[in-house]
PDB file of N, CA and C in Angstrom:
ATOM      1  N   UNK A   1     165.190 175.163 -21.280  1.00  0.00           N
ATOM      2  CA  UNK A   1     164.437 175.505 -20.080  1.00  0.00           C
ATOM      3  C   UNK A   1     164.688 176.971 -19.741  1.00  0.00           C
ATOM      4  N   UNK A   2     163.652 177.669 -19.385  1.00  0.00           N
ATOM      5  CA  UNK A   2     163.800 179.089 -19.084  1.00  0.00           C
ATOM      6  C   UNK A   2     163.846 179.310 -17.573  1.00  0.00           C
ATOM      7  N   UNK A   3     164.217 180.524 -17.172  1.00  0.00           N
ATOM      8  CA  UNK A   3     164.372 180.847 -15.751  1.00  0.00           C
ATOM      9  C   UNK A   3     163.044 180.864 -15.015  1.00  0.00           C
ATOM     10  N   UNK A   4     161.960 181.166 -15.720  1.00  0.00           N
ATOM     11  CA  UNK A   4     160.648 181.219 -15.073  1.00  0.00           C
ATOM     12  C   UNK A   4     160.207 179.842 -14.592  1.00  0.00           C
ATOM     13  N   UNK A   5     160.659 178.795 -15.278  1.00  0.00           N
ATOM     14  CA  UNK A   5     160.283 177.443 -14.869  1.00  0.00           C
ATOM     15  C   UNK A   5     161.090 176.972 -13.656  1.00  0.00           C
ATOM     16  N   UNK A   6     162.283 177.507 -13.465  1.00  0.00           N
ATOM     17  CA  UNK A   6     163.142 177.078 -12.357  1.00  0.00           C
ATOM     18  C   UNK A   6     162.743 177.704 -11.024  1.00  0.00           C
ATOM     19  N   UNK A   7     162.359 178.964 -11.040  1.00  0.00           N
ATOM     20  CA  UNK A   7     162.035 179.662  -9.804  1.00  0.00           C
ATOM     21  C   UNK A   7     160.525 179.734  -9.606  1.00  0.00           C
ATOM     22  N   UNK A   8     160.038 179.311  -8.462  1.00  0.00           N
ATOM     23  CA  UNK A   8     158.594 179.439  -8.230  1.00  0.00           C
ATOM     24  C   UNK A   8     158.233 180.900  -7.962  1.00  0.00           C
ATOM     25  N   UNK A   9     157.322 181.420  -8.751  1.00  0.00           N
ATOM     26  CA  UNK A   9     156.908 182.825  -8.602  1.00  0.00           C
ATOM     27  C   UNK A   9     155.649 182.870  -7.760  1.00  0.00           C
ATOM     28  N   UNK A  10     155.702 183.647  -6.679  1.00  0.00           N
ATOM     29  CA  UNK A  10     154.533 183.813  -5.836  1.00  0.00           C
ATOM     30  C   UNK A  10     154.512 185.253  -5.336  1.00  0.00           C
ATOM     31  N   UNK A  11     153.343 185.806  -5.092  1.00  0.00           N
ATOM     32  CA  UNK A  11     153.274 187.187  -4.618  1.00  0.00           C
ATOM     33  C   UNK A  11     153.830 187.308  -3.205  1.00  0.00           C
ATOM     34  N   UNK A  12     154.487 188.437  -2.925  1.00  0.00           N
ATOM     35  CA  UNK A  12     155.057 188.682  -1.602  1.00  0.00           C
ATOM     36  C   UNK A  12     154.307 189.826  -0.949  1.00  0.00           C
ATOM     37  N   UNK A  13     153.910 189.605   0.285  1.00  0.00           N
ATOM     38  CA  UNK A  13     153.108 190.598   1.006  1.00  0.00           C
ATOM     39  C   UNK A  13     153.943 191.770   1.504  1.00  0.00           C
ATOM     40  N   UNK A  14     155.259 191.600   1.631  1.00  0.00           N
ATOM     41  CA  UNK A  14     156.103 192.656   2.188  1.00  0.00           C
ATOM     42  C   UNK A  14     156.526 193.680   1.145  1.00  0.00           C
ATOM     43  N   UNK A  15     156.154 193.471  -0.109  1.00  0.00           N
ATOM     44  CA  UNK A  15     156.514 194.408  -1.174  1.00  0.00           C
ATOM     45  C   UNK A  15     155.262 195.166  -1.584  1.00  0.00           C
ATOM     46  N   UNK A  16     155.283 196.482  -1.367  1.00  0.00           N
ATOM     47  CA  UNK A  16     154.141 197.327  -1.725  1.00  0.00           C
ATOM     48  C   UNK A  16     154.149 197.622  -3.221  1.00  0.00           C
ATOM     49  N   UNK A  17     153.021 198.152  -3.696  1.00  0.00           N
ATOM     50  CA  UNK A  17     152.949 198.596  -5.082  1.00  0.00           C
ATOM     51  C   UNK A  17     153.798 199.843  -5.257  1.00  0.00           C
ATOM     52  N   UNK A  18     154.544 199.911  -6.362  1.00  0.00           N
ATOM     53  CA  UNK A  18     155.344 201.101  -6.637  1.00  0.00           C
ATOM     54  C   UNK A  18     155.429 201.316  -8.128  1.00  0.00           C
ATOM     55  N   UNK A  19     155.740 202.565  -8.490  1.00  0.00           N
ATOM     56  CA  UNK A  19     155.892 202.999  -9.879  1.00  0.00           C
ATOM     57  C   UNK A  19     157.124 203.884  -9.972  1.00  0.00           C
ATOM     58  N   UNK A  20     157.606 204.168 -11.194  1.00  0.00           N
ATOM     59  CA  UNK A  20     158.710 205.125 -11.327  1.00  0.00           C
ATOM     60  C   UNK A  20     158.299 206.491 -10.786  1.00  0.00           C
ATOM     61  N   UNK A  21     159.211 207.147 -10.110  1.00  0.00           N
ATOM     62  CA  UNK A  21     158.947 208.445  -9.500  1.00  0.00           C
ATOM     63  C   UNK A  21     158.630 208.346  -8.025  1.00  0.00           C
ATOM     64  N   UNK A  22     158.245 207.167  -7.553  1.00  0.00           N
ATOM     65  CA  UNK A  22     157.966 206.994  -6.129  1.00  0.00           C
ATOM     66  C   UNK A  22     159.268 206.971  -5.339  1.00  0.00           C
ATOM     67  N   UNK A  23     159.197 207.440  -4.111  1.00  0.00           N
ATOM     68  CA  UNK A  23     160.321 207.325  -3.201  1.00  0.00           C
ATOM     69  C   UNK A  23     160.063 206.106  -2.326  1.00  0.00           C
ATOM     70  N   UNK A  24     161.014 205.186  -2.312  1.00  0.00           N
ATOM     71  CA  UNK A  24     160.797 203.925  -1.612  1.00  0.00           C
ATOM     72  C   UNK A  24     161.991 203.602  -0.728  1.00  0.00           C
ATOM     73  N   UNK A  25     161.718 202.853   0.334  1.00  0.00           N
ATOM     74  CA  UNK A  25     162.752 202.343   1.226  1.00  0.00           C
ATOM     75  C   UNK A  25     162.831 200.834   1.005  1.00  0.00           C
ATOM     76  N   UNK A  26     163.972 200.375   0.490  1.00  0.00           N
ATOM     77  CA  UNK A  26     164.186 198.958   0.231  1.00  0.00           C
ATOM     78  C   UNK A  26     165.038 198.405   1.367  1.00  0.00           C
ATOM     79  N   UNK A  27     164.488 197.477   2.127  1.00  0.00           N
ATOM     80  CA  UNK A  27     165.226 196.837   3.213  1.00  0.00           C
ATOM     81  C   UNK A  27     165.889 195.580   2.671  1.00  0.00           C
ATOM     82  N   UNK A  28     167.234 195.557   2.728  1.00  0.00           N
ATOM     83  CA  UNK A  28     168.031 194.493   2.127  1.00  0.00           C
ATOM     84  C   UNK A  28     168.786 193.755   3.225  1.00  0.00           C
ATOM     85  N   UNK A  29     168.810 192.426   3.109  1.00  0.00           N
ATOM     86  CA  UNK A  29     169.587 191.612   4.050  1.00  0.00           C
ATOM     87  C   UNK A  29     171.063 191.698   3.665  1.00  0.00           C
ATOM     88  N   UNK A  30     171.909 192.034   4.631  1.00  0.00           N
ATOM     89  CA  UNK A  30     173.352 192.138   4.434  1.00  0.00           C
ATOM     90  C   UNK A  30     174.018 191.064   5.285  1.00  0.00           C
ATOM     91  N   UNK A  31     174.907 190.298   4.669  1.00  0.00           N
ATOM     92  CA  UNK A  31     175.642 189.265   5.403  1.00  0.00           C
ATOM     93  C   UNK A  31     177.058 189.756   5.656  1.00  0.00           C
ATOM     94  N   UNK A  32     177.438 189.774   6.909  1.00  0.00           N
ATOM     95  CA  UNK A  32     178.798 190.153   7.305  1.00  0.00           C
ATOM     96  C   UNK A  32     179.374 189.002   8.110  1.00  0.00           C
ATOM     97  N   UNK A  33     180.142 188.174   7.450  1.00  0.00           N
ATOM     98  CA  UNK A  33     180.659 186.991   8.123  1.00  0.00           C
ATOM     99  C   UNK A  33     179.527 186.008   8.375  1.00  0.00           C
ATOM    100  N   UNK A  34     179.292 185.713   9.636  1.00  0.00           N
ATOM    101  CA  UNK A  34     178.198 184.805   9.985  1.00  0.00           C
ATOM    102  C   UNK A  34     176.954 185.546  10.437  1.00  0.00           C
ATOM    103  N   UNK A  35     177.041 186.880  10.564  1.00  0.00           N
ATOM    104  CA  UNK A  35     175.891 187.665  11.025  1.00  0.00           C
ATOM    105  C   UNK A  35     175.096 188.181   9.849  1.00  0.00           C
ATOM    106  N   UNK A  36     173.816 188.378  10.089  1.00  0.00           N
ATOM    107  CA  UNK A  36     172.938 188.986   9.094  1.00  0.00           C
ATOM    108  C   UNK A  36     172.240 190.182   9.717  1.00  0.00           C
ATOM    109  N   UNK A  37     172.075 191.221   8.915  1.00  0.00           N
ATOM    110  CA  UNK A  37     171.347 192.390   9.384  1.00  0.00           C
ATOM    111  C   UNK A  37     170.586 192.983   8.218  1.00  0.00           C
ATOM    112  N   UNK A  38     169.638 193.859   8.536  1.00  0.00           N
ATOM    113  CA  UNK A  38     168.830 194.516   7.513  1.00  0.00           C
ATOM    114  C   UNK A  38     169.314 195.949   7.359  1.00  0.00           C
ATOM    115  N   UNK A  39     169.596 196.344   6.121  1.00  0.00           N
ATOM    116  CA  UNK A  39     170.036 197.704   5.834  1.00  0.00           C
ATOM    117  C   UNK A  39     169.059 198.334   4.854  1.00  0.00           C
ATOM    118  N   UNK A  40     168.657 199.568   5.123  1.00  0.00           N
ATOM    119  CA  UNK A  40     167.692 200.260   4.279  1.00  0.00           C
ATOM    120  C   UNK A  40     168.417 201.081   3.216  1.00  0.00           C
ATOM    121  N   UNK A  41     167.856 201.078   2.014  1.00  0.00           N
ATOM    122  CA  UNK A  41     168.336 201.915   0.914  1.00  0.00           C
ATOM    123  C   UNK A  41     167.123 202.686   0.423  1.00  0.00           C
ATOM    124  N   UNK A  42     167.113 204.004   0.652  1.00  0.00           N
ATOM    125  CA  UNK A  42     165.949 204.822   0.309  1.00  0.00           C
ATOM    126  C   UNK A  42     166.295 205.780  -0.812  1.00  0.00           C
ATOM    127  N   UNK A  43     165.426 205.837  -1.816  1.00  0.00           N
ATOM    128  CA  UNK A  43     165.648 206.739  -2.926  1.00  0.00           C
ATOM    129  C   UNK A  43     164.488 206.710  -3.902  1.00  0.00           C
ATOM    130  N   UNK A  44     164.689 207.358  -5.032  1.00  0.00           N
ATOM    131  CA  UNK A  44     163.668 207.460  -6.064  1.00  0.00           C
ATOM    132  C   UNK A  44     163.766 206.266  -7.007  1.00  0.00           C
ATOM    133  N   UNK A  45     162.642 205.695  -7.360  1.00  0.00           N
ATOM    134  CA  UNK A  45     162.626 204.571  -8.285  1.00  0.00           C
ATOM    135  C   UNK A  45     162.749 205.121  -9.699  1.00  0.00           C
ATOM    136  N   UNK A  46     163.829 204.738 -10.387  1.00  0.00           N
ATOM    137  CA  UNK A  46     164.078 205.216 -11.743  1.00  0.00           C
ATOM    138  C   UNK A  46     163.350 204.372 -12.778  1.00  0.00           C
ATOM    139  N   UNK A  47     163.317 203.079 -12.577  1.00  0.00           N
ATOM    140  CA  UNK A  47     162.639 202.214 -13.531  1.00  0.00           C
ATOM    141  C   UNK A  47     162.120 200.976 -12.822  1.00  0.00           C
ATOM    142  N   UNK A  48     161.083 200.387 -13.387  1.00  0.00           N
ATOM    143  CA  UNK A  48     160.474 199.202 -12.809  1.00  0.00           C
ATOM    144  C   UNK A  48     159.252 199.577 -11.992  1.00  0.00           C
ATOM    145  N   UNK A  49     158.309 198.640 -11.934  1.00  0.00           N
ATOM    146  CA  UNK A  49     157.104 198.868 -11.157  1.00  0.00           C
ATOM    147  C   UNK A  49     156.630 197.531 -10.621  1.00  0.00           C
ATOM    148  N   UNK A  50     155.702 197.593  -9.690  1.00  0.00           N
ATOM    149  CA  UNK A  50     155.157 196.366  -9.108  1.00  0.00           C
ATOM    150  C   UNK A  50     153.714 196.617  -8.720  1.00  0.00           C
ATOM    151  N   UNK A  51     152.842 195.668  -9.080  1.00  0.00           N
ATOM    152  CA  UNK A  51     151.442 195.724  -8.680  1.00  0.00           C
ATOM    153  C   UNK A  51     151.112 194.453  -7.923  1.00  0.00           C
ATOM    154  N   UNK A  52     150.235 194.577  -6.959  1.00  0.00           N
ATOM    155  CA  UNK A  52     149.902 193.443  -6.096  1.00  0.00           C
ATOM    156  C   UNK A  52     149.252 192.292  -6.861  1.00  0.00           C
ATOM    157  N   UNK A  53     148.463 192.606  -7.888  1.00  0.00           N
ATOM    158  CA  UNK A  53     147.720 191.554  -8.579  1.00  0.00           C
ATOM    159  C   UNK A  53     148.553 190.833  -9.646  1.00  0.00           C
ATOM    160  N   UNK A  54     149.791 191.272  -9.898  1.00  0.00           N
ATOM    161  CA  UNK A  54     150.656 190.621 -10.878  1.00  0.00           C
ATOM    162  C   UNK A  54     151.796 189.890 -10.178  1.00  0.00           C
ATOM    163  N   UNK A  55     152.083 188.695 -10.641  1.00  0.00           N
ATOM    164  CA  UNK A  55     153.239 187.945 -10.141  1.00  0.00           C
ATOM    165  C   UNK A  55     154.417 188.268 -11.057  1.00  0.00           C
ATOM    166  N   UNK A  56     155.508 188.838 -10.522  1.00  0.00           N
ATOM    167  CA  UNK A  56     156.630 189.246 -11.375  1.00  0.00           C
ATOM    168  C   UNK A  56     157.387 188.037 -11.923  1.00  0.00           C
ATOM    169  N   UNK A  57     158.002 188.220 -13.075  1.00  0.00           N
ATOM    170  CA  UNK A  57     158.810 187.176 -13.680  1.00  0.00           C
ATOM    171  C   UNK A  57     160.107 186.991 -12.898  1.00  0.00           C
ATOM    172  N   UNK A  58     160.828 185.938 -13.223  1.00  0.00           N
ATOM    173  CA  UNK A  58     162.002 185.553 -12.442  1.00  0.00           C
ATOM    174  C   UNK A  58     163.119 186.597 -12.488  1.00  0.00           C
ATOM    175  N   UNK A  59     163.371 187.210 -13.632  1.00  0.00           N
ATOM    176  CA  UNK A  59     164.484 188.145 -13.755  1.00  0.00           C
ATOM    177  C   UNK A  59     164.082 189.596 -13.672  1.00  0.00           C
ATOM    178  N   UNK A  60     162.929 189.901 -13.104  1.00  0.00           N
ATOM    179  CA  UNK A  60     162.417 191.273 -13.081  1.00  0.00           C
ATOM    180  C   UNK A  60     163.205 192.123 -12.098  1.00  0.00           C
ATOM    181  N   UNK A  61     163.647 193.303 -12.547  1.00  0.00           N
ATOM    182  CA  UNK A  61     164.462 194.183 -11.708  1.00  0.00           C
ATOM    183  C   UNK A  61     163.848 195.574 -11.644  1.00  0.00           C
ATOM    184  N   UNK A  62     164.274 196.310 -10.628  1.00  0.00           N
ATOM    185  CA  UNK A  62     163.937 197.726 -10.516  1.00  0.00           C
ATOM    186  C   UNK A  62     165.148 198.461  -9.974  1.00  0.00           C
ATOM    187  N   UNK A  63     165.263 199.744 -10.330  1.00  0.00           N
ATOM    188  CA  UNK A  63     166.434 200.543  -9.967  1.00  0.00           C
ATOM    189  C   UNK A  63     166.020 201.688  -9.060  1.00  0.00           C
ATOM    190  N   UNK A  64     166.800 201.882  -7.991  1.00  0.00           N
ATOM    191  CA  UNK A  64     166.559 202.947  -7.017  1.00  0.00           C
ATOM    192  C   UNK A  64     167.788 203.844  -6.986  1.00  0.00           C
ATOM    193  N   UNK A  65     167.555 205.168  -7.003  1.00  0.00           N
ATOM    194  CA  UNK A  65     168.656 206.145  -7.004  1.00  0.00           C
ATOM    195  C   UNK A  65     168.515 207.082  -5.816  1.00  0.00           C
ATOM    196  N   UNK A  66     169.628 207.365  -5.182  1.00  0.00           N
ATOM    197  CA  UNK A  66     169.659 208.375  -4.129  1.00  0.00           C
ATOM    198  C   UNK A  66     170.968 209.136  -4.235  1.00  0.00           C
ATOM    199  N   UNK A  67     170.983 210.314  -3.640  1.00  0.00           N
ATOM    200  CA  UNK A  67     172.190 211.137  -3.617  1.00  0.00           C
ATOM    201  C   UNK A  67     172.741 211.106  -2.207  1.00  0.00           C
ATOM    202  N   UNK A  68     173.963 210.609  -2.073  1.00  0.00           N
ATOM    203  CA  UNK A  68     174.601 210.479  -0.775  1.00  0.00           C
ATOM    204  C   UNK A  68     175.893 211.292  -0.769  1.00  0.00           C
ATOM    205  N   UNK A  69     175.948 212.315   0.064  1.00  0.00           N
ATOM    206  CA  UNK A  69     177.109 213.200   0.177  1.00  0.00           C
ATOM    207  C   UNK A  69     177.475 213.801  -1.181  1.00  0.00           C
ATOM    208  N   UNK A  70     176.465 214.192  -1.961  1.00  0.00           N
ATOM    209  CA  UNK A  70     176.693 214.844  -3.229  1.00  0.00           C
ATOM    210  C   UNK A  70     176.996 213.911  -4.392  1.00  0.00           C
ATOM    211  N   UNK A  71     176.992 212.610  -4.163  1.00  0.00           N
ATOM    212  CA  UNK A  71     177.288 211.636  -5.208  1.00  0.00           C
ATOM    213  C   UNK A  71     176.055 210.779  -5.431  1.00  0.00           C
ATOM    214  N   UNK A  72     175.631 210.626  -6.683  1.00  0.00           N
ATOM    215  CA  UNK A  72     174.474 209.796  -6.996  1.00  0.00           C
ATOM    216  C   UNK A  72     174.821 208.320  -6.909  1.00  0.00           C
ATOM    217  N   UNK A  73     174.002 207.568  -6.207  1.00  0.00           N
ATOM    218  CA  UNK A  73     174.208 206.133  -6.029  1.00  0.00           C
ATOM    219  C   UNK A  73     172.961 205.419  -6.546  1.00  0.00           C
ATOM    220  N   UNK A  74     173.153 204.475  -7.448  1.00  0.00           N
ATOM    221  CA  UNK A  74     172.035 203.697  -7.977  1.00  0.00           C
ATOM    222  C   UNK A  74     172.256 202.228  -7.667  1.00  0.00           C
ATOM    223  N   UNK A  75     171.176 201.568  -7.263  1.00  0.00           N
ATOM    224  CA  UNK A  75     171.234 200.125  -7.032  1.00  0.00           C
ATOM    225  C   UNK A  75     170.098 199.471  -7.795  1.00  0.00           C
ATOM    226  N   UNK A  76     170.395 198.357  -8.417  1.00  0.00           N
ATOM    227  CA  UNK A  76     169.396 197.573  -9.129  1.00  0.00           C
ATOM    228  C   UNK A  76     169.116 196.325  -8.313  1.00  0.00           C
ATOM    229  N   UNK A  77     167.846 196.089  -8.029  1.00  0.00           N
ATOM    230  CA  UNK A  77     167.433 194.973  -7.195  1.00  0.00           C
ATOM    231  C   UNK A  77     166.608 193.988  -8.011  1.00  0.00           C
ATOM    232  N   UNK A  78     166.773 192.710  -7.725  1.00  0.00           N
ATOM    233  CA  UNK A  78     165.882 191.687  -8.257  1.00  0.00           C
ATOM    234  C   UNK A  78     164.647 191.646  -7.375  1.00  0.00           C
ATOM    235  N   UNK A  79     163.480 191.718  -7.978  1.00  0.00           N
ATOM    236  CA  UNK A  79     162.251 191.772  -7.201  1.00  0.00           C
ATOM    237  C   UNK A  79     161.978 190.464  -6.472  1.00  0.00           C
ATOM    238  N   UNK A  80     162.369 189.334  -7.057  1.00  0.00           N
ATOM    239  CA  UNK A  80     162.125 188.035  -6.442  1.00  0.00           C
ATOM    240  C   UNK A  80     163.270 187.564  -5.558  1.00  0.00           C
ATOM    241  N   UNK A  81     164.245 188.409  -5.300  1.00  0.00           N
ATOM    242  CA  UNK A  81     165.404 188.000  -4.527  1.00  0.00           C
ATOM    243  C   UNK A  81     165.028 187.735  -3.066  1.00  0.00           C
ATOM    244  N   UNK A  82     165.548 186.663  -2.483  1.00  0.00           N
ATOM    245  CA  UNK A  82     165.301 186.418  -1.060  1.00  0.00           C
ATOM    246  C   UNK A  82     166.043 187.396  -0.157  1.00  0.00           C
ATOM    247  N   UNK A  83     166.985 188.158  -0.709  1.00  0.00           N
ATOM    248  CA  UNK A  83     167.720 189.138   0.085  1.00  0.00           C
ATOM    249  C   UNK A  83     166.911 190.405   0.329  1.00  0.00           C
ATOM    250  N   UNK A  84     165.847 190.631  -0.441  1.00  0.00           N
ATOM    251  CA  UNK A  84     164.995 191.797  -0.215  1.00  0.00           C
ATOM    252  C   UNK A  84     164.001 191.452   0.876  1.00  0.00           C
ATOM    253  N   UNK A  85     164.094 192.186   1.974  1.00  0.00           N
ATOM    254  CA  UNK A  85     163.200 191.948   3.102  1.00  0.00           C
ATOM    255  C   UNK A  85     161.843 192.595   2.855  1.00  0.00           C
ATOM    256  N   UNK A  86     161.852 193.871   2.445  1.00  0.00           N
ATOM    257  CA  UNK A  86     160.597 194.562   2.170  1.00  0.00           C
ATOM    258  C   UNK A  86     160.872 195.807   1.333  1.00  0.00           C
ATOM    259  N   UNK A  87     159.810 196.299   0.698  1.00  0.00           N
ATOM    260  CA  UNK A  87     159.855 197.554  -0.056  1.00  0.00           C
ATOM    261  C   UNK A  87     158.693 198.397   0.443  1.00  0.00           C
ATOM    262  N   UNK A  88     159.008 199.557   1.024  1.00  0.00           N
ATOM    263  CA  UNK A  88     157.997 200.456   1.575  1.00  0.00           C
ATOM    264  C   UNK A  88     158.005 201.765   0.795  1.00  0.00           C
ATOM    265  N   UNK A  89     156.865 202.163   0.280  1.00  0.00           N
ATOM    266  CA  UNK A  89     156.760 203.427  -0.455  1.00  0.00           C
ATOM    267  C   UNK A  89     156.500 204.537   0.550  1.00  0.00           C
ATOM    268  N   UNK A  90     157.389 205.532   0.583  1.00  0.00           N
ATOM    269  CA  UNK A  90     157.250 206.643   1.520  1.00  0.00           C
ATOM    270  C   UNK A  90     156.587 207.850   0.878  1.00  0.00           C
ATOM    271  N   UNK A  91     156.679 207.962  -0.467  1.00  0.00           N
ATOM    272  CA  UNK A  91     156.110 209.113  -1.167  1.00  0.00           C
ATOM    273  C   UNK A  91     155.809 208.709  -2.597  1.00  0.00           C
ATOM    274  N   UNK A  92     154.638 209.081  -3.089  1.00  0.00           N
ATOM    275  CA  UNK A  92     154.253 208.747  -4.455  1.00  0.00           C
ATOM    276  C   UNK A  92     154.564 209.932  -5.359  1.00  0.00           C
ATOM    277  N   UNK A  93     155.256 209.673  -6.466  1.00  0.00           N
ATOM    278  CA  UNK A  93     155.659 210.734  -7.378  1.00  0.00           C
ATOM    279  C   UNK A  93     154.793 210.782  -8.617  1.00  0.00           C
ATOM    280  N   UNK A  94     154.658 211.971  -9.176  1.00  0.00           N
ATOM    281  CA  UNK A  94     153.855 212.187 -10.373  1.00  0.00           C
ATOM    282  C   UNK A  94     154.807 212.446 -11.537  1.00  0.00           C
ATOM    283  N   UNK A  95     154.967 211.453 -12.413  1.00  0.00           N
ATOM    284  CA  UNK A  95     155.859 211.577 -13.566  1.00  0.00           C
ATOM    285  C   UNK A  95     155.128 211.096 -14.808  1.00  0.00           C
ATOM    286  N   UNK A  96     155.657 211.478 -15.972  1.00  0.00           N
ATOM    287  CA  UNK A  96     155.023 211.117 -17.241  1.00  0.00           C
ATOM    288  C   UNK A  96     155.847 210.107 -18.032  1.00  0.00           C
ATOM    289  N   UNK A  97     156.873 209.582 -17.450  1.00  0.00           N
ATOM    290  CA  UNK A  97     157.751 208.659 -18.171  1.00  0.00           C
ATOM    291  C   UNK A  97     157.905 207.357 -17.399  1.00  0.00           C
ATOM    292  N   UNK A  98     158.313 206.314 -18.108  1.00  0.00           N
ATOM    293  CA  UNK A  98     158.512 205.009 -17.487  1.00  0.00           C
ATOM    294  C   UNK A  98     159.938 204.850 -16.975  1.00  0.00           C
ATOM    295  N   UNK A  99     160.866 205.592 -17.558  1.00  0.00           N
ATOM    296  CA  UNK A  99     162.262 205.522 -17.132  1.00  0.00           C
ATOM    297  C   UNK A  99     162.751 206.943 -16.871  1.00  0.00           C
ATOM    298  N   UNK A 100     163.246 207.171 -15.691  1.00  0.00           N
ATOM    299  CA  UNK A 100     163.600 208.531 -15.259  1.00  0.00           C
ATOM    300  C   UNK A 100     165.106 208.764 -15.288  1.00  0.00           C
ATOM    301  N   UNK A 101     165.750 208.356 -16.378  1.00  0.00           N
ATOM    302  CA  UNK A 101     167.193 208.503 -16.461  1.00  0.00           C
ATOM    303  C   UNK A 101     167.618 209.967 -16.547  1.00  0.00           C
ATOM    304  N   UNK A 102     166.697 210.851 -16.886  1.00  0.00           N
ATOM    305  CA  UNK A 102     167.036 212.269 -16.968  1.00  0.00           C
ATOM    306  C   UNK A 102     167.374 212.849 -15.595  1.00  0.00           C
ATOM    307  N   UNK A 103     166.993 212.191 -14.518  1.00  0.00           N
ATOM    308  CA  UNK A 103     167.317 212.683 -13.173  1.00  0.00           C
ATOM    309  C   UNK A 103     168.812 212.613 -12.877  1.00  0.00           C
ATOM    310  N   UNK A 104     169.540 211.810 -13.634  1.00  0.00           N
ATOM    311  CA  UNK A 104     170.979 211.687 -13.403  1.00  0.00           C
ATOM    312  C   UNK A 104     171.714 212.997 -13.643  1.00  0.00           C
ATOM    313  N   UNK A 105     171.216 213.824 -14.544  1.00  0.00           N
ATOM    314  CA  UNK A 105     171.880 215.078 -14.868  1.00  0.00           C
ATOM    315  C   UNK A 105     171.350 216.270 -14.103  1.00  0.00           C
ATOM    316  N   UNK A 106     170.387 216.064 -13.197  1.00  0.00           N
ATOM    317  CA  UNK A 106     169.779 217.173 -12.474  1.00  0.00           C
ATOM    318  C   UNK A 106     170.176 217.147 -11.004  1.00  0.00           C
ATOM    319  N   UNK A 107     170.281 218.353 -10.418  1.00  0.00           N
ATOM    320  CA  UNK A 107     170.586 218.454  -8.994  1.00  0.00           C
ATOM    321  C   UNK A 107     169.699 219.520  -8.376  1.00  0.00           C
ATOM    322  N   UNK A 108     169.545 219.478  -7.093  1.00  0.00           N
ATOM    323  CA  UNK A 108     168.815 220.508  -6.362  1.00  0.00           C
ATOM    324  C   UNK A 108     167.340 220.531  -6.665  1.00  0.00           C
ATOM    325  N   UNK A 109     166.794 221.753  -6.828  1.00  0.00           N
ATOM    326  CA  UNK A 109     165.357 221.906  -7.060  1.00  0.00           C
ATOM    327  C   UNK A 109     164.906 221.327  -8.395  1.00  0.00           C
ATOM    328  N   UNK A 110     165.796 221.280  -9.369  1.00  0.00           N
ATOM    329  CA  UNK A 110     165.437 220.744 -10.682  1.00  0.00           C
ATOM    330  C   UNK A 110     165.169 219.242 -10.621  1.00  0.00           C
ATOM    331  N   UNK A 111     165.726 218.573  -9.644  1.00  0.00           N
ATOM    332  CA  UNK A 111     165.568 217.126  -9.533  1.00  0.00           C
ATOM    333  C   UNK A 111     164.321 216.745  -8.726  1.00  0.00           C
ATOM    334  N   UNK A 112     163.518 217.728  -8.341  1.00  0.00           N
ATOM    335  CA  UNK A 112     162.312 217.414  -7.562  1.00  0.00           C
ATOM    336  C   UNK A 112     161.258 216.754  -8.432  1.00  0.00           C
ATOM    337  N   UNK A 113     160.457 215.919  -7.776  1.00  0.00           N
ATOM    338  CA  UNK A 113     159.317 215.263  -8.436  1.00  0.00           C
ATOM    339  C   UNK A 113     158.067 215.644  -7.667  1.00  0.00           C
ATOM    340  N   UNK A 114     157.021 216.073  -8.387  1.00  0.00           N
ATOM    341  CA  UNK A 114     155.782 216.444  -7.730  1.00  0.00           C
ATOM    342  C   UNK A 114     155.133 215.224  -7.108  1.00  0.00           C
ATOM    343  N   UNK A 115     154.313 215.464  -6.096  1.00  0.00           N
ATOM    344  CA  UNK A 115     153.670 214.368  -5.393  1.00  0.00           C
ATOM    345  C   UNK A 115     152.314 214.048  -6.015  1.00  0.00           C
ATOM    346  N   UNK A 116     152.051 212.741  -6.165  1.00  0.00           N
ATOM    347  CA  UNK A 116     150.779 212.267  -6.693  1.00  0.00           C
ATOM    348  C   UNK A 116     149.821 212.092  -5.529  1.00  0.00           C
ATOM    349  N   UNK A 117     148.612 212.623  -5.677  1.00  0.00           N
ATOM    350  CA  UNK A 117     147.630 212.533  -4.580  1.00  0.00           C
ATOM    351  C   UNK A 117     146.503 211.617  -4.928  1.00  0.00           C
TER     352      UNK A 117
END
């Protein structure tokens, strides 16, 4: 039995379409003891994409990178996870690659991505 048969896949309205190079804000549910709160993680999408007309597979992931206090932080999220509250695209990037791992070695102006209009 595969994972796709165990988890029901259905489209989620709170997740916008995104591609690598886009800047997105991922709102994640955080549990602290018995309390729950929503925490935002905003950064550039390094890999993974989502389209409204496609239902993602059970193990589909995407990676978001941001620089916090001079240190690069990357988080990989499961797209079908119930802990993801929403994904909001704040800026669309224009890139020619599907995986932007080269951004790990760049800082400052060199790490900029042009905007797609």
